[in-house]
Amino acid sequence: MTAFINTVKHFLLAVFTWPITQPIALAGAIIQQPNKAFAVVDFLKGLSVLMVILFHTLFAIFFLFKKSPDKLNAFIQSLPDGLTFLLASDKAVDIFFLLSSFLLSYSLLSIYQKKNRIDIGRFYLHRFFRIYPLFLVALILYGLADPHKLLTEGWYSLLFIENIFSKGIIPVQWSLSIEVQFYLILPFLILFLAKRKRPILWISALIVLSVFARFWIAYQTPAIYQTPWYQFTQVVDAAVYMDAMYYVIEARITPLLLGVLWALILWHSPNTKLTLSNRTKYSLLALGLGVIYLTLQFPVYDSQARFYQPFNASFNLAAISLHRFIFSGTILALILLFHFSKPSKKSNPLIHWKGWRLLSEVAYPMYFFHFPFVAIGWFLILGTVEATEISTIPLLYIPLVFGFAVFSTLYLSLLLNHWVEARFIKMGKQVESRWFSR
């Protein structure tokens, strides 16, 4: 009898503690995984998902005060000068584009090198099992908030064209749609480049064309560059900018092409070595970080900023056209600098921190599901969503909401990664092995 009671106690204890012990065990298992071939990928991926959550933590304030410009301007001007770059942390999406394109391009190039061909069907099947199962979970959960919209506009999301028609269910799906649209052409692009004598020259030409395309899109709509950024929600419909420059692949393809360039350089010149002194290398690092910091100053939200004293439409056009290219291009340049330089005797503790491995592994569900937790965090701390009832937003609230959103999303993402994402990826590999056995 005593043994039975003890068994029941252990069972009940396991049931009631499972919500705590299971995510901790899952996180521990991920952290214990060996480092991947490119540690910088985990670092940048983990950092990027934190940047996206931070951006939406700040963006929630913009949404709250969209009809109270005076309160919004007061909040922006309350930010310390050295921290205004955080308002541009949405550039993390450009890092995601760069990383995703690099990993897939490098994989395709490696396959081509071994087989002298690419199984395009296998590539699409792999992408399907990697993307669609978790995406469907997100679509259903977000759709519960508005079932009618799910039924009438859900197909835009299912086909990954919601960013083209400005219709969709999941607030952050636009970036995934851009990636999926790029995946449709990627294997053909890699096949074309792999067969060229000068593939790096070809992809460089495409990158230049993509930058010009972004310039031309902005130039064709004068309101985009003739309007100071802080006036978009007050004077011009923000959709004029967002639908033309933010949500569509033709204006955002540059970092995806830079990812292909990264893969081609490593594939085409794997044994290249740079003989630079540490002083030169770290001077270039400092310069690169400075350039990245400058690009994070744009767009300029503060109406009192020197950028607008006076406002120059031509310079604004140049900034709109180039800031994302310079940001992601500089990151790539720094990656290549350290990749081809003589390795240091000691590994960089920041780059190799195990926490990045964890965040990188669950970045996909964290990207999808952080949005509601940001909203819940602000509601819990403010007690309302009515702008008329809020006079100011203390800066201390930002890290509190950010921390709540990160840990809540991480908790859910660990479970989704284990029960949905990892299982369907494994299933996809089994299907691949049966359909593409040779």
Foldseek 3Di string as FASTA:
>chain_A
DVVVVVVVVVVVVCVVCVLPVVLVVLLVVLLPDDQDPDLLLLLLLLVLLLLVLLLLLVVLVCVLCLVPLVQVLVFLVPDPPLPNLSNLSPLSLLVVLLSVLQVVLLVQLVVCVVVVAGPLVLLVLLVCLQPPFVLVVLLVVLCVVPVVLCVVQVVCLVQLNCLQVVGHRFPLSLSVSLVVVCSVCSSVLSNVLSPDPCSLVVLVVVLVVLLVLLLVLCVVPLCNLVPQPQCCSPPNPVCSCCSRANRDNSNSVNSSSNSNSLSCCCSVCVQAADEDDPVVLVVLVVVLVVLLSVLSCPPPNNCPDVCPVPPDSVVSSVSSSPSSVSNSVSVSVNSVSQSRYDDDPDDDCSSNPSVSSLSSLLSVQLSRPLNVLSVVLVCVVVVDSNSVVDNHDPPVSSVSSSVRSVVVSSSVSSVCCVPTNVVSSVVSVVVSCVVPVD
